Structure formats: C-alpha cells, structure tokens
Amino acid sequence: MSEPRYDVLVDARGLACPMPLVKARQALMVMEPGATVCVLATDPAAPADFDEFVEISGHELERSERQDSLFVIVLRKKR
C-alpha cells in the first residue's frame, strides 16, 4: 500500500488553536481547486475547529484521525 500523497503539508504541531486552522486557510488560499492539504496538529481542539470550518467554507474533510497525541487532518479544496 502506498503512502498517501498531499499537495501541501502544514506542520502545526505545538501550535494552539486557532493557529492550525489559520495556517491551513493560508495554504488553501493559494492552492488549486481540488488540491489537498494535510495538517498535523497536537491541539485537541483542532478536529472540532476543522469540522466547523468545512461546514462554513465548503471545503471537503477527507480525513480526520488521531495517532496518539497527533491529529492528522486532510482537506480538499472546493472546486
């Protein structure tokens, strides 16, 4: 099985919310429609922030999972 590939990786480990979301939004602004961004975050509030963000923004939440103390969140920019 191959490793997932993303267009942009945002390493927001150690940053408190809302910074992981702010960094992801900055990346999304310059990305092509349909491109993916993977966010690495350690703040436990990050998944809820991204859940709310996709509802408001129209971007797609492809994956949101916890790996020990790391949250891996993958968004696809709306087309």
C-alpha atoms as a PDB file:
ATOM      1  CA  MET A   1       0.000   0.000   0.000  1.00  0.00           C
ATOM      2  CA  SER A   2       1.444   3.365  -0.988  1.00  0.00           C
ATOM      3  CA  GLU A   3       1.715   6.332   1.313  1.00  0.00           C
ATOM      4  CA  PRO A   4      -0.998   8.962   0.842  1.00  0.00           C
ATOM      5  CA  ARG A   5       0.185  11.989  -1.108  1.00  0.00           C
ATOM      6  CA  TYR A   6      -0.868  15.566  -0.469  1.00  0.00           C
ATOM      7  CA  ASP A   7      -0.285  18.772  -2.360  1.00  0.00           C
ATOM      8  CA  VAL A   8       0.608  20.711   0.801  1.00  0.00           C
ATOM      9  CA  LEU A   9       1.701  19.657   4.283  1.00  0.00           C
ATOM     10  CA  VAL A  10       1.055  22.068   7.158  1.00  0.00           C
ATOM     11  CA  ASP A  11       3.008  21.172  10.280  1.00  0.00           C
ATOM     12  CA  ALA A  12       1.106  22.887  13.087  1.00  0.00           C
ATOM     13  CA  ARG A  13       2.387  20.666  15.891  1.00  0.00           C
ATOM     14  CA  GLY A  14       2.783  22.623  19.102  1.00  0.00           C
ATOM     15  CA  LEU A  15       0.544  25.469  17.937  1.00  0.00           C
ATOM     16  CA  ALA A  16      -2.584  26.329  19.903  1.00  0.00           C
ATOM     17  CA  CYS A  17      -5.915  26.754  18.153  1.00  0.00           C
ATOM     18  CA  PRO A  18      -6.840  28.580  16.074  1.00  0.00           C
ATOM     19  CA  MET A  19      -3.336  28.600  14.541  1.00  0.00           C
ATOM     20  CA  PRO A  20      -3.552  25.165  12.840  1.00  0.00           C
ATOM     21  CA  LEU A  21      -6.708  26.353  11.091  1.00  0.00           C
ATOM     22  CA  VAL A  22      -5.173  29.742  10.242  1.00  0.00           C
ATOM     23  CA  LYS A  23      -2.150  28.032   8.655  1.00  0.00           C
ATOM     24  CA  ALA A  24      -4.415  25.671   6.696  1.00  0.00           C
ATOM     25  CA  ARG A  25      -6.548  28.566   5.453  1.00  0.00           C
ATOM     26  CA  GLN A  26      -3.424  30.396   4.265  1.00  0.00           C
ATOM     27  CA  ALA A  27      -2.379  27.306   2.301  1.00  0.00           C
ATOM     28  CA  LEU A  28      -5.861  26.823   0.826  1.00  0.00           C
ATOM     29  CA  MET A  29      -5.899  30.399  -0.490  1.00  0.00           C
ATOM     30  CA  VAL A  30      -3.027  29.721  -2.907  1.00  0.00           C
ATOM     31  CA  MET A  31      -3.919  26.136  -3.842  1.00  0.00           C
ATOM     32  CA  GLU A  32      -5.710  24.998  -6.996  1.00  0.00           C
ATOM     33  CA  PRO A  33      -9.297  23.728  -6.629  1.00  0.00           C
ATOM     34  CA  GLY A  34      -9.313  20.008  -5.848  1.00  0.00           C
ATOM     35  CA  ALA A  35      -5.846  20.086  -4.246  1.00  0.00           C
ATOM     36  CA  THR A  36      -5.322  18.522  -0.818  1.00  0.00           C
ATOM     37  CA  VAL A  37      -3.698  19.825   2.335  1.00  0.00           C
ATOM     38  CA  CYS A  38      -2.631  17.626   5.243  1.00  0.00           C
ATOM     39  CA  VAL A  39      -2.489  19.335   8.634  1.00  0.00           C
ATOM     40  CA  LEU A  40      -0.528  17.872  11.542  1.00  0.00           C
ATOM     41  CA  ALA A  41      -1.747  19.290  14.856  1.00  0.00           C
ATOM     42  CA  THR A  42      -1.362  18.491  18.530  1.00  0.00           C
ATOM     43  CA  ASP A  43      -4.054  20.781  19.944  1.00  0.00           C
ATOM     44  CA  PRO A  44      -7.049  18.631  20.982  1.00  0.00           C
ATOM     45  CA  ALA A  45      -9.429  21.378  19.784  1.00  0.00           C
ATOM     46  CA  ALA A  46      -8.160  21.152  16.182  1.00  0.00           C
ATOM     47  CA  PRO A  47     -10.562  18.444  14.893  1.00  0.00           C
ATOM     48  CA  ALA A  48     -13.621  20.380  16.079  1.00  0.00           C
ATOM     49  CA  ASP A  49     -12.262  23.597  14.539  1.00  0.00           C
ATOM     50  CA  PHE A  50     -11.808  21.876  11.184  1.00  0.00           C
ATOM     51  CA  ASP A  51     -15.254  20.221  11.365  1.00  0.00           C
ATOM     52  CA  GLU A  52     -16.809  23.668  11.770  1.00  0.00           C
ATOM     53  CA  PHE A  53     -14.559  25.202   9.107  1.00  0.00           C
ATOM     54  CA  VAL A  54     -15.586  22.750   6.371  1.00  0.00           C
ATOM     55  CA  GLU A  55     -19.267  23.323   7.156  1.00  0.00           C
ATOM     56  CA  ILE A  56     -18.791  27.069   6.650  1.00  0.00           C
ATOM     57  CA  SER A  57     -16.245  27.077   3.818  1.00  0.00           C
ATOM     58  CA  GLY A  58     -17.470  24.286   1.560  1.00  0.00           C
ATOM     59  CA  HIS A  59     -14.076  22.557   1.501  1.00  0.00           C
ATOM     60  CA  GLU A  60     -14.144  18.783   1.968  1.00  0.00           C
ATOM     61  CA  LEU A  61     -12.834  16.988   5.046  1.00  0.00           C
ATOM     62  CA  GLU A  62     -11.245  13.861   3.607  1.00  0.00           C
ATOM     63  CA  ARG A  63      -9.760  12.503   6.803  1.00  0.00           C
ATOM     64  CA  SER A  64      -9.518  13.386  10.472  1.00  0.00           C
ATOM     65  CA  GLU A  65      -7.808  10.896  12.726  1.00  0.00           C
ATOM     66  CA  ARG A  66      -5.833  10.736  15.908  1.00  0.00           C
ATOM     67  CA  GLN A  67      -2.482   8.965  16.097  1.00  0.00           C
ATOM     68  CA  ASP A  68      -1.521   9.049  19.794  1.00  0.00           C
ATOM     69  CA  SER A  69      -1.213  12.791  20.562  1.00  0.00           C
ATOM     70  CA  LEU A  70      -1.094  13.793  16.878  1.00  0.00           C
ATOM     71  CA  PHE A  71      -4.141  14.771  14.840  1.00  0.00           C
ATOM     72  CA  VAL A  72      -3.922  14.219  11.087  1.00  0.00           C
ATOM     73  CA  ILE A  73      -6.483  16.280   9.173  1.00  0.00           C
ATOM     74  CA  VAL A  74      -6.785  16.207   5.393  1.00  0.00           C
ATOM     75  CA  LEU A  75      -8.814  18.783   3.482  1.00  0.00           C
ATOM     76  CA  ARG A  76      -9.607  19.003  -0.226  1.00  0.00           C
ATOM     77  CA  LYS A  77     -10.087  22.497  -1.608  1.00  0.00           C
ATOM     78  CA  LYS A  78     -13.547  23.044  -3.040  1.00  0.00           C
ATOM     79  CA  ARG A  79     -13.820  23.006  -6.820  1.00  0.00           C
END
